[in-house]
Amino acid sequence: MKRKHLYLIVSLLVVVLITSCANKEIVDECLTGHSYGFWGGLWHGIIAPFDLIAMLFRDDVTVYAQNNNGAWYAFGFILGSGGWGILGSKGAEGKKRRRNR
């Protein structure tokens, strides 16, 4: 039981240390300008795997737009990023049914 408490305390300390490195000026720059809505979220969800790879090599690329309008952007992002998996699983399931007939 004591180990769980130790892991929790160490995890919280790591999170606090990592978040204390955030630069407020850079975040404020992201929140000005165009605000992304549902269609922006959908597009960002579709290209998220490519953005994730680009993030490894460039500092100016992010997967999720910070300047968004909230729930509609998140809904579009989820549809865009999860739609490929849903469509793919339905197609694979249909092929299995056809082969078993």
PDB file of N, CA and C in Angstrom:
ATOM      1  N   MET A   1       0.813  -1.191   0.000  1.00  0.00           N
ATOM      2  CA  MET A   1       0.000   0.000   0.000  1.00  0.00           C
ATOM      3  C   MET A   1       0.860   1.261   0.000  1.00  0.00           C
ATOM      4  N   LYS A   2       1.975   1.212   0.663  1.00  0.00           N
ATOM      5  CA  LYS A   2       2.842   2.383   0.736  1.00  0.00           C
ATOM      6  C   LYS A   2       3.469   2.700  -0.621  1.00  0.00           C
ATOM      7  N   ARG A   3       3.732   1.660  -1.422  1.00  0.00           N
ATOM      8  CA  ARG A   3       4.311   1.892  -2.746  1.00  0.00           C
ATOM      9  C   ARG A   3       3.373   2.689  -3.630  1.00  0.00           C
ATOM     10  N   LYS A   4       2.084   2.403  -3.536  1.00  0.00           N
ATOM     11  CA  LYS A   4       1.111   3.135  -4.339  1.00  0.00           C
ATOM     12  C   LYS A   4       1.131   4.613  -3.989  1.00  0.00           C
ATOM     13  N   HIS A   5       1.242   4.917  -2.705  1.00  0.00           N
ATOM     14  CA  HIS A   5       1.305   6.316  -2.279  1.00  0.00           C
ATOM     15  C   HIS A   5       2.586   6.980  -2.786  1.00  0.00           C
ATOM     16  N   LEU A   6       3.679   6.244  -2.729  1.00  0.00           N
ATOM     17  CA  LEU A   6       4.949   6.781  -3.210  1.00  0.00           C
ATOM     18  C   LEU A   6       4.891   7.060  -4.707  1.00  0.00           C
ATOM     19  N   TYR A   7       4.318   6.123  -5.484  1.00  0.00           N
ATOM     20  CA  TYR A   7       4.178   6.333  -6.923  1.00  0.00           C
ATOM     21  C   TYR A   7       3.291   7.526  -7.230  1.00  0.00           C
ATOM     22  N   LEU A   8       2.239   7.689  -6.465  1.00  0.00           N
ATOM     23  CA  LEU A   8       1.340   8.812  -6.670  1.00  0.00           C
ATOM     24  C   LEU A   8       2.035  10.140  -6.384  1.00  0.00           C
ATOM     25  N   ILE A   9       2.764  10.206  -5.313  1.00  0.00           N
ATOM     26  CA  ILE A   9       3.474  11.437  -4.958  1.00  0.00           C
ATOM     27  C   ILE A   9       4.547  11.761  -5.990  1.00  0.00           C
ATOM     28  N   VAL A  10       5.311  10.769  -6.402  1.00  0.00           N
ATOM     29  CA  VAL A  10       6.353  10.994  -7.419  1.00  0.00           C
ATOM     30  C   VAL A  10       5.723  11.422  -8.744  1.00  0.00           C
ATOM     31  N   SER A  11       4.621  10.811  -9.124  1.00  0.00           N
ATOM     32  CA  SER A  11       3.938  11.182 -10.366  1.00  0.00           C
ATOM     33  C   SER A  11       3.445  12.614 -10.318  1.00  0.00           C
ATOM     34  N   LEU A  12       2.863  13.011  -9.205  1.00  0.00           N
ATOM     35  CA  LEU A  12       2.387  14.389  -9.065  1.00  0.00           C
ATOM     36  C   LEU A  12       3.545  15.388  -9.129  1.00  0.00           C
ATOM     37  N   LEU A  13       4.655  15.063  -8.507  1.00  0.00           N
ATOM     38  CA  LEU A  13       5.824  15.943  -8.558  1.00  0.00           C
ATOM     39  C   LEU A  13       6.351  16.084  -9.981  1.00  0.00           C
ATOM     40  N   VAL A  14       6.386  14.986 -10.725  1.00  0.00           N
ATOM     41  CA  VAL A  14       6.850  15.034 -12.116  1.00  0.00           C
ATOM     42  C   VAL A  14       5.921  15.907 -12.951  1.00  0.00           C
ATOM     43  N   VAL A  15       4.622  15.750 -12.767  1.00  0.00           N
ATOM     44  CA  VAL A  15       3.655  16.557 -13.512  1.00  0.00           C
ATOM     45  C   VAL A  15       3.821  18.038 -13.190  1.00  0.00           C
ATOM     46  N   VAL A  16       3.985  18.374 -11.931  1.00  0.00           N
ATOM     47  CA  VAL A  16       4.171  19.770 -11.530  1.00  0.00           C
ATOM     48  C   VAL A  16       5.458  20.331 -12.127  1.00  0.00           C
ATOM     49  N   LEU A  17       6.524  19.549 -12.108  1.00  0.00           N
ATOM     50  CA  LEU A  17       7.789  20.024 -12.679  1.00  0.00           C
ATOM     51  C   LEU A  17       7.691  20.231 -14.182  1.00  0.00           C
ATOM     52  N   ILE A  18       7.024  19.330 -14.882  1.00  0.00           N
ATOM     53  CA  ILE A  18       6.906  19.448 -16.331  1.00  0.00           C
ATOM     54  C   ILE A  18       6.034  20.647 -16.709  1.00  0.00           C
ATOM     55  N   THR A  19       4.935  20.844 -16.006  1.00  0.00           N
ATOM     56  CA  THR A  19       4.038  21.948 -16.356  1.00  0.00           C
ATOM     57  C   THR A  19       4.612  23.290 -15.951  1.00  0.00           C
ATOM     58  N   SER A  20       5.543  23.321 -15.052  1.00  0.00           N
ATOM     59  CA  SER A  20       6.125  24.605 -14.664  1.00  0.00           C
ATOM     60  C   SER A  20       7.048  25.156 -15.739  1.00  0.00           C
ATOM     61  N   CYS A  21       7.373  24.355 -16.740  1.00  0.00           N
ATOM     62  CA  CYS A  21       8.248  24.800 -17.818  1.00  0.00           C
ATOM     63  C   CYS A  21       7.490  25.500 -18.943  1.00  0.00           C
ATOM     64  N   ALA A  22       6.176  25.573 -18.871  1.00  0.00           N
ATOM     65  CA  ALA A  22       5.379  26.185 -19.939  1.00  0.00           C
ATOM     66  C   ALA A  22       5.667  27.675 -20.032  1.00  0.00           C
ATOM     67  N   ASN A  23       5.765  28.175 -21.255  1.00  0.00           N
ATOM     68  CA  ASN A  23       6.016  29.582 -21.503  1.00  0.00           C
ATOM     69  C   ASN A  23       4.687  30.257 -21.848  1.00  0.00           C
ATOM     70  N   LYS A  24       4.209  31.138 -20.970  1.00  0.00           N
ATOM     71  CA  LYS A  24       2.900  31.764 -21.137  1.00  0.00           C
ATOM     72  C   LYS A  24       2.833  32.620 -22.399  1.00  0.00           C
ATOM     73  N   GLU A  25       3.918  33.251 -22.781  1.00  0.00           N
ATOM     74  CA  GLU A  25       3.914  34.115 -23.969  1.00  0.00           C
ATOM     75  C   GLU A  25       3.615  33.318 -25.232  1.00  0.00           C
ATOM     76  N   ILE A  26       4.168  32.137 -25.360  1.00  0.00           N
ATOM     77  CA  ILE A  26       3.941  31.312 -26.539  1.00  0.00           C
ATOM     78  C   ILE A  26       2.486  30.854 -26.582  1.00  0.00           C
ATOM     79  N   VAL A  27       1.922  30.491 -25.441  1.00  0.00           N
ATOM     80  CA  VAL A  27       0.528  30.052 -25.390  1.00  0.00           C
ATOM     81  C   VAL A  27      -0.397  31.201 -25.770  1.00  0.00           C
ATOM     82  N   ASP A  28      -0.121  32.417 -25.304  1.00  0.00           N
ATOM     83  CA  ASP A  28      -0.958  33.571 -25.642  1.00  0.00           C
ATOM     84  C   ASP A  28      -0.956  33.852 -27.142  1.00  0.00           C
ATOM     85  N   GLU A  29       0.171  33.626 -27.803  1.00  0.00           N
ATOM     86  CA  GLU A  29       0.246  33.829 -29.252  1.00  0.00           C
ATOM     87  C   GLU A  29      -0.650  32.845 -29.989  1.00  0.00           C
ATOM     88  N   CYS A  30      -0.788  31.647 -29.468  1.00  0.00           N
ATOM     89  CA  CYS A  30      -1.622  30.624 -30.102  1.00  0.00           C
ATOM     90  C   CYS A  30      -3.102  30.945 -30.015  1.00  0.00           C
ATOM     91  N   LEU A  31      -3.500  31.727 -29.047  1.00  0.00           N
ATOM     92  CA  LEU A  31      -4.913  31.987 -28.813  1.00  0.00           C
ATOM     93  C   LEU A  31      -5.430  33.218 -29.542  1.00  0.00           C
ATOM     94  N   THR A  32      -4.614  33.828 -30.375  1.00  0.00           N
ATOM     95  CA  THR A  32      -5.060  34.972 -31.164  1.00  0.00           C
ATOM     96  C   THR A  32      -5.275  34.540 -32.606  1.00  0.00           C
ATOM     97  N   GLY A  33      -6.100  35.280 -33.311  1.00  0.00           N
ATOM     98  CA  GLY A  33      -6.320  34.979 -34.725  1.00  0.00           C
ATOM     99  C   GLY A  33      -7.539  34.109 -34.942  1.00  0.00           C
ATOM    100  N   HIS A  34      -7.463  33.269 -35.968  1.00  0.00           N
ATOM    101  CA  HIS A  34      -8.578  32.422 -36.391  1.00  0.00           C
ATOM    102  C   HIS A  34      -8.924  31.383 -35.332  1.00  0.00           C
ATOM    103  N   SER A  35     -10.215  31.214 -35.049  1.00  0.00           N
ATOM    104  CA  SER A  35     -10.686  30.188 -34.126  1.00  0.00           C
ATOM    105  C   SER A  35     -11.264  29.034 -34.940  1.00  0.00           C
ATOM    106  N   TYR A  36     -10.810  27.825 -34.667  1.00  0.00           N
ATOM    107  CA  TYR A  36     -11.223  26.649 -35.436  1.00  0.00           C
ATOM    108  C   TYR A  36     -12.510  26.067 -34.877  1.00  0.00           C
ATOM    109  N   GLY A  37     -13.410  25.654 -35.763  1.00  0.00           N
ATOM    110  CA  GLY A  37     -14.686  25.063 -35.387  1.00  0.00           C
ATOM    111  C   GLY A  37     -14.757  23.601 -35.761  1.00  0.00           C
ATOM    112  N   PHE A  38     -15.970  23.135 -36.068  1.00  0.00           N
ATOM    113  CA  PHE A  38     -16.197  21.723 -36.370  1.00  0.00           C
ATOM    114  C   PHE A  38     -15.378  21.254 -37.565  1.00  0.00           C
ATOM    115  N   TRP A  39     -15.414  22.001 -38.662  1.00  0.00           N
ATOM    116  CA  TRP A  39     -14.720  21.567 -39.885  1.00  0.00           C
ATOM    117  C   TRP A  39     -13.209  21.569 -39.691  1.00  0.00           C
ATOM    118  N   GLY A  40     -12.700  22.545 -38.948  1.00  0.00           N
ATOM    119  CA  GLY A  40     -11.271  22.546 -38.637  1.00  0.00           C
ATOM    120  C   GLY A  40     -10.881  21.349 -37.789  1.00  0.00           C
ATOM    121  N   GLY A  41     -11.740  21.014 -36.812  1.00  0.00           N
ATOM    122  CA  GLY A  41     -11.483  19.840 -35.973  1.00  0.00           C
ATOM    123  C   GLY A  41     -11.523  18.556 -36.762  1.00  0.00           C
ATOM    124  N   LEU A  42     -12.484  18.466 -37.695  1.00  0.00           N
ATOM    125  CA  LEU A  42     -12.572  17.275 -38.539  1.00  0.00           C
ATOM    126  C   LEU A  42     -11.308  17.110 -39.374  1.00  0.00           C
ATOM    127  N   TRP A  43     -10.864  18.189 -39.983  1.00  0.00           N
ATOM    128  CA  TRP A  43      -9.652  18.143 -40.796  1.00  0.00           C
ATOM    129  C   TRP A  43      -8.433  17.805 -39.946  1.00  0.00           C
ATOM    130  N   HIS A  44      -8.310  18.432 -38.774  1.00  0.00           N
ATOM    131  CA  HIS A  44      -7.169  18.161 -37.909  1.00  0.00           C
ATOM    132  C   HIS A  44      -7.190  16.717 -37.399  1.00  0.00           C
ATOM    133  N   GLY A  45      -8.376  16.143 -37.208  1.00  0.00           N
ATOM    134  CA  GLY A  45      -8.465  14.745 -36.811  1.00  0.00           C
ATOM    135  C   GLY A  45      -8.005  13.807 -37.909  1.00  0.00           C
ATOM    136  N   ILE A  46      -8.346  14.141 -39.143  1.00  0.00           N
ATOM    137  CA  ILE A  46      -7.948  13.292 -40.282  1.00  0.00           C
ATOM    138  C   ILE A  46      -6.437  13.310 -40.469  1.00  0.00           C
ATOM    139  N   ILE A  47      -5.819  14.482 -40.328  1.00  0.00           N
ATOM    140  CA  ILE A  47      -4.377  14.586 -40.566  1.00  0.00           C
ATOM    141  C   ILE A  47      -3.549  14.393 -39.293  1.00  0.00           C
ATOM    142  N   ALA A  48      -4.190  14.018 -38.180  1.00  0.00           N
ATOM    143  CA  ALA A  48      -3.483  13.867 -36.904  1.00  0.00           C
ATOM    144  C   ALA A  48      -2.299  12.897 -36.965  1.00  0.00           C
ATOM    145  N   PRO A  49      -2.402  11.741 -37.628  1.00  0.00           N
ATOM    146  CA  PRO A  49      -1.221  10.855 -37.666  1.00  0.00           C
ATOM    147  C   PRO A  49      -0.016  11.494 -38.358  1.00  0.00           C
ATOM    148  N   PHE A  50      -0.275  12.269 -39.396  1.00  0.00           N
ATOM    149  CA  PHE A  50       0.819  12.944 -40.098  1.00  0.00           C
ATOM    150  C   PHE A  50       1.398  14.072 -39.238  1.00  0.00           C
ATOM    151  N   ASP A  51       0.513  14.773 -38.524  1.00  0.00           N
ATOM    152  CA  ASP A  51       0.981  15.826 -37.621  1.00  0.00           C
ATOM    153  C   ASP A  51       1.825  15.255 -36.493  1.00  0.00           C
ATOM    154  N   LEU A  52       1.441  14.090 -36.010  1.00  0.00           N
ATOM    155  CA  LEU A  52       2.202  13.460 -34.932  1.00  0.00           C
ATOM    156  C   LEU A  52       3.627  13.157 -35.381  1.00  0.00           C
ATOM    157  N   ILE A  53       3.782  12.679 -36.600  1.00  0.00           N
ATOM    158  CA  ILE A  53       5.127  12.417 -37.138  1.00  0.00           C
ATOM    159  C   ILE A  53       5.885  13.725 -37.328  1.00  0.00           C
ATOM    160  N   ALA A  54       5.194  14.755 -37.844  1.00  0.00           N
ATOM    161  CA  ALA A  54       5.848  16.050 -38.060  1.00  0.00           C
ATOM    162  C   ALA A  54       6.270  16.699 -36.745  1.00  0.00           C
ATOM    163  N   MET A  55       5.525  16.442 -35.669  1.00  0.00           N
ATOM    164  CA  MET A  55       5.882  17.007 -34.364  1.00  0.00           C
ATOM    165  C   MET A  55       7.234  16.508 -33.871  1.00  0.00           C
ATOM    166  N   LEU A  56       7.641  15.343 -34.310  1.00  0.00           N
ATOM    167  CA  LEU A  56       8.930  14.800 -33.886  1.00  0.00           C
ATOM    168  C   LEU A  56      10.090  15.607 -34.451  1.00  0.00           C
ATOM    169  N   PHE A  57       9.868  16.257 -35.588  1.00  0.00           N
ATOM    170  CA  PHE A  57      10.955  16.954 -36.274  1.00  0.00           C
ATOM    171  C   PHE A  57      10.833  18.475 -36.242  1.00  0.00           C
ATOM    172  N   ARG A  58       9.637  19.006 -35.973  1.00  0.00           N
ATOM    173  CA  ARG A  58       9.434  20.457 -35.991  1.00  0.00           C
ATOM    174  C   ARG A  58       8.735  20.915 -34.721  1.00  0.00           C
ATOM    175  N   ASP A  59       9.121  22.085 -34.228  1.00  0.00           N
ATOM    176  CA  ASP A  59       8.518  22.621 -33.014  1.00  0.00           C
ATOM    177  C   ASP A  59       7.241  23.402 -33.276  1.00  0.00           C
ATOM    178  N   ASP A  60       6.992  23.811 -34.516  1.00  0.00           N
ATOM    179  CA  ASP A  60       5.837  24.655 -34.808  1.00  0.00           C
ATOM    180  C   ASP A  60       4.611  23.866 -35.271  1.00  0.00           C
ATOM    181  N   VAL A  61       4.622  22.541 -35.167  1.00  0.00           N
ATOM    182  CA  VAL A  61       3.496  21.697 -35.572  1.00  0.00           C
ATOM    183  C   VAL A  61       2.871  21.083 -34.328  1.00  0.00           C
ATOM    184  N   THR A  62       1.541  21.154 -34.233  1.00  0.00           N
ATOM    185  CA  THR A  62       0.825  20.506 -33.141  1.00  0.00           C
ATOM    186  C   THR A  62      -0.292  19.648 -33.717  1.00  0.00           C
ATOM    187  N   VAL A  63      -0.764  18.704 -32.944  1.00  0.00           N
ATOM    188  CA  VAL A  63      -1.829  17.821 -33.402  1.00  0.00           C
ATOM    189  C   VAL A  63      -3.189  18.474 -33.187  1.00  0.00           C
ATOM    190  N   TYR A  64      -3.375  19.169 -32.083  1.00  0.00           N
ATOM    191  CA  TYR A  64      -4.666  19.720 -31.673  1.00  0.00           C
ATOM    192  C   TYR A  64      -4.556  21.235 -31.629  1.00  0.00           C
ATOM    193  N   ALA A  65      -5.445  21.951 -32.319  1.00  0.00           N
ATOM    194  CA  ALA A  65      -5.390  23.412 -32.357  1.00  0.00           C
ATOM    195  C   ALA A  65      -5.766  24.002 -31.002  1.00  0.00           C
ATOM    196  N   GLN A  66      -4.928  24.846 -30.471  1.00  0.00           N
ATOM    197  CA  GLN A  66      -5.206  25.471 -29.174  1.00  0.00           C
ATOM    198  C   GLN A  66      -6.312  26.520 -29.281  1.00  0.00           C
ATOM    199  N   ASN A  67      -6.381  27.184 -30.419  1.00  0.00           N
ATOM    200  CA  ASN A  67      -7.374  28.239 -30.619  1.00  0.00           C
ATOM    201  C   ASN A  67      -8.608  27.644 -31.287  1.00  0.00           C
ATOM    202  N   ASN A  68      -9.444  26.960 -30.492  1.00  0.00           N
ATOM    203  CA  ASN A  68     -10.642  26.334 -31.031  1.00  0.00           C
ATOM    204  C   ASN A  68     -11.866  26.851 -30.292  1.00  0.00           C
ATOM    205  N   ASN A  69     -13.043  26.514 -30.804  1.00  0.00           N
ATOM    206  CA  ASN A  69     -14.261  27.020 -30.184  1.00  0.00           C
ATOM    207  C   ASN A  69     -14.870  26.053 -29.184  1.00  0.00           C
ATOM    208  N   GLY A  70     -14.168  25.017 -28.800  1.00  0.00           N
ATOM    209  CA  GLY A  70     -14.634  24.144 -27.734  1.00  0.00           C
ATOM    210  C   GLY A  70     -15.202  22.827 -28.197  1.00  0.00           C
ATOM    211  N   ALA A  71     -16.461  22.579 -27.832  1.00  0.00           N
ATOM    212  CA  ALA A  71     -17.069  21.263 -28.022  1.00  0.00           C
ATOM    213  C   ALA A  71     -17.207  20.882 -29.492  1.00  0.00           C
ATOM    214  N   TRP A  72     -17.559  21.827 -30.352  1.00  0.00           N
ATOM    215  CA  TRP A  72     -17.715  21.480 -31.776  1.00  0.00           C
ATOM    216  C   TRP A  72     -16.385  21.098 -32.398  1.00  0.00           C
ATOM    217  N   TYR A  73     -15.324  21.788 -32.026  1.00  0.00           N
ATOM    218  CA  TYR A  73     -14.002  21.423 -32.532  1.00  0.00           C
ATOM    219  C   TYR A  73     -13.621  20.024 -32.052  1.00  0.00           C
ATOM    220  N   ALA A  74     -13.834  19.764 -30.765  1.00  0.00           N
ATOM    221  CA  ALA A  74     -13.489  18.450 -30.204  1.00  0.00           C
ATOM    222  C   ALA A  74     -14.307  17.344 -30.860  1.00  0.00           C
ATOM    223  N   PHE A  75     -15.593  17.603 -31.117  1.00  0.00           N
ATOM    224  CA  PHE A  75     -16.449  16.611 -31.772  1.00  0.00           C
ATOM    225  C   PHE A  75     -15.939  16.314 -33.184  1.00  0.00           C
ATOM    226  N   GLY A  76     -15.591  17.349 -33.937  1.00  0.00           N
ATOM    227  CA  GLY A  76     -15.037  17.150 -35.272  1.00  0.00           C
ATOM    228  C   GLY A  76     -13.713  16.415 -35.239  1.00  0.00           C
ATOM    229  N   PHE A  77     -12.875  16.745 -34.250  1.00  0.00           N
ATOM    230  CA  PHE A  77     -11.579  16.075 -34.125  1.00  0.00           C
ATOM    231  C   PHE A  77     -11.763  14.590 -33.840  1.00  0.00           C
ATOM    232  N   ILE A  78     -12.692  14.267 -32.955  1.00  0.00           N
ATOM    233  CA  ILE A  78     -12.927  12.863 -32.633  1.00  0.00           C
ATOM    234  C   ILE A  78     -13.471  12.111 -33.842  1.00  0.00           C
ATOM    235  N   LEU A  79     -14.395  12.723 -34.563  1.00  0.00           N
ATOM    236  CA  LEU A  79     -14.912  12.069 -35.772  1.00  0.00           C
ATOM    237  C   LEU A  79     -13.809  11.880 -36.802  1.00  0.00           C
ATOM    238  N   GLY A  80     -12.987  12.896 -36.980  1.00  0.00           N
ATOM    239  CA  GLY A  80     -11.910  12.818 -37.964  1.00  0.00           C
ATOM    240  C   GLY A  80     -10.853  11.802 -37.601  1.00  0.00           C
ATOM    241  N   SER A  81     -10.494  11.722 -36.342  1.00  0.00           N
ATOM    242  CA  SER A  81      -9.433  10.789 -35.954  1.00  0.00           C
ATOM    243  C   SER A  81      -9.960   9.370 -35.748  1.00  0.00           C
ATOM    244  N   GLY A  82     -11.207   9.218 -35.372  1.00  0.00           N
ATOM    245  CA  GLY A  82     -11.750   7.891 -35.126  1.00  0.00           C
ATOM    246  C   GLY A  82     -12.508   7.308 -36.295  1.00  0.00           C
ATOM    247  N   GLY A  83     -12.853   8.105 -37.256  1.00  0.00           N
ATOM    248  CA  GLY A  83     -13.633   7.630 -38.384  1.00  0.00           C
ATOM    249  C   GLY A  83     -12.935   6.580 -39.202  1.00  0.00           C
ATOM    250  N   TRP A  84     -11.621   6.681 -39.342  1.00  0.00           N
ATOM    251  CA  TRP A  84     -10.884   5.697 -40.132  1.00  0.00           C
ATOM    252  C   TRP A  84     -10.941   4.333 -39.478  1.00  0.00           C
ATOM    253  N   GLY A  85     -10.822   4.261 -38.171  1.00  0.00           N
ATOM    254  CA  GLY A  85     -10.880   2.979 -37.472  1.00  0.00           C
ATOM    255  C   GLY A  85     -12.251   2.357 -37.544  1.00  0.00           C
ATOM    256  N   ILE A  86     -13.291   3.170 -37.437  1.00  0.00           N
ATOM    257  CA  ILE A  86     -14.655   2.646 -37.509  1.00  0.00           C
ATOM    258  C   ILE A  86     -14.941   2.099 -38.900  1.00  0.00           C
ATOM    259  N   LEU A  87     -14.575   2.850 -39.909  1.00  0.00           N
ATOM    260  CA  LEU A  87     -14.813   2.406 -41.279  1.00  0.00           C
ATOM    261  C   LEU A  87     -14.014   1.151 -41.603  1.00  0.00           C
ATOM    262  N   GLY A  88     -12.792   1.094 -41.129  1.00  0.00           N
ATOM    263  CA  GLY A  88     -11.955  -0.062 -41.394  1.00  0.00           C
ATOM    264  C   GLY A  88     -12.459  -1.320 -40.718  1.00  0.00           C
ATOM    265  N   SER A  89     -12.945  -1.187 -39.498  1.00  0.00           N
ATOM    266  CA  SER A  89     -13.419  -2.373 -38.788  1.00  0.00           C
ATOM    267  C   SER A  89     -14.703  -2.907 -39.401  1.00  0.00           C
ATOM    268  N   LYS A  90     -15.560  -2.054 -39.889  1.00  0.00           N
ATOM    269  CA  LYS A  90     -16.800  -2.507 -40.524  1.00  0.00           C
ATOM    270  C   LYS A  90     -16.490  -3.264 -41.824  1.00  0.00           C
ATOM    271  N   GLY A  91     -15.528  -2.783 -42.569  1.00  0.00           N
ATOM    272  CA  GLY A  91     -15.169  -3.455 -43.814  1.00  0.00           C
ATOM    273  C   GLY A  91     -14.556  -4.820 -43.567  1.00  0.00           C
ATOM    274  N   ALA A  92     -13.717  -4.933 -42.574  1.00  0.00           N
ATOM    275  CA  ALA A  92     -13.086  -6.213 -42.261  1.00  0.00           C
ATOM    276  C   ALA A  92     -14.116  -7.209 -41.747  1.00  0.00           C
ATOM    277  N   GLU A  93     -15.074  -6.730 -40.980  1.00  0.00           N
ATOM    278  CA  GLU A  93     -16.106  -7.617 -40.456  1.00  0.00           C
ATOM    279  C   GLU A  93     -16.984  -8.153 -41.578  1.00  0.00           C
ATOM    280  N   GLY A  94     -17.298  -7.326 -42.536  1.00  0.00           N
ATOM    281  CA  GLY A  94     -18.117  -7.749 -43.663  1.00  0.00           C
ATOM    282  C   GLY A  94     -17.420  -8.788 -44.523  1.00  0.00           C
ATOM    283  N   LYS A  95     -16.115  -8.669 -44.705  1.00  0.00           N
ATOM    284  CA  LYS A  95     -15.357  -9.652 -45.489  1.00  0.00           C
ATOM    285  C   LYS A  95     -15.340 -11.006 -44.802  1.00  0.00           C
ATOM    286  N   LYS A  96     -15.242 -11.024 -43.477  1.00  0.00           N
ATOM    287  CA  LYS A  96     -15.240 -12.283 -42.740  1.00  0.00           C
ATOM    288  C   LYS A  96     -16.574 -12.996 -42.895  1.00  0.00           C
ATOM    289  N   ARG A  97     -17.652 -12.250 -42.859  1.00  0.00           N
ATOM    290  CA  ARG A  97     -18.983 -12.856 -43.006  1.00  0.00           C
ATOM    291  C   ARG A  97     -19.143 -13.469 -44.397  1.00  0.00           C
ATOM    292  N   ARG A  98     -18.649 -12.777 -45.423  1.00  0.00           N
ATOM    293  CA  ARG A  98     -18.777 -13.284 -46.787  1.00  0.00           C
ATOM    294  C   ARG A  98     -17.961 -14.560 -46.979  1.00  0.00           C
ATOM    295  N   ARG A  99     -16.792 -14.641 -46.355  1.00  0.00           N
ATOM    296  CA  ARG A  99     -15.934 -15.826 -46.499  1.00  0.00           C
ATOM    297  C   ARG A  99     -16.536 -17.038 -45.800  1.00  0.00           C
ATOM    298  N   ASN A 100     -17.244 -16.825 -44.706  1.00  0.00           N
ATOM    299  CA  ASN A 100     -17.811 -17.941 -43.937  1.00  0.00           C
ATOM    300  C   ASN A 100     -19.057 -18.510 -44.563  1.00  0.00           C
ATOM    301  N   ARG A 101     -19.640 -17.869 -45.529  1.00  0.00           N
ATOM    302  CA  ARG A 101     -20.883 -18.357 -46.144  1.00  0.00           C
ATOM    303  C   ARG A 101     -20.652 -19.510 -47.051  1.00  0.00           C
TER     304      ARG A 101
END
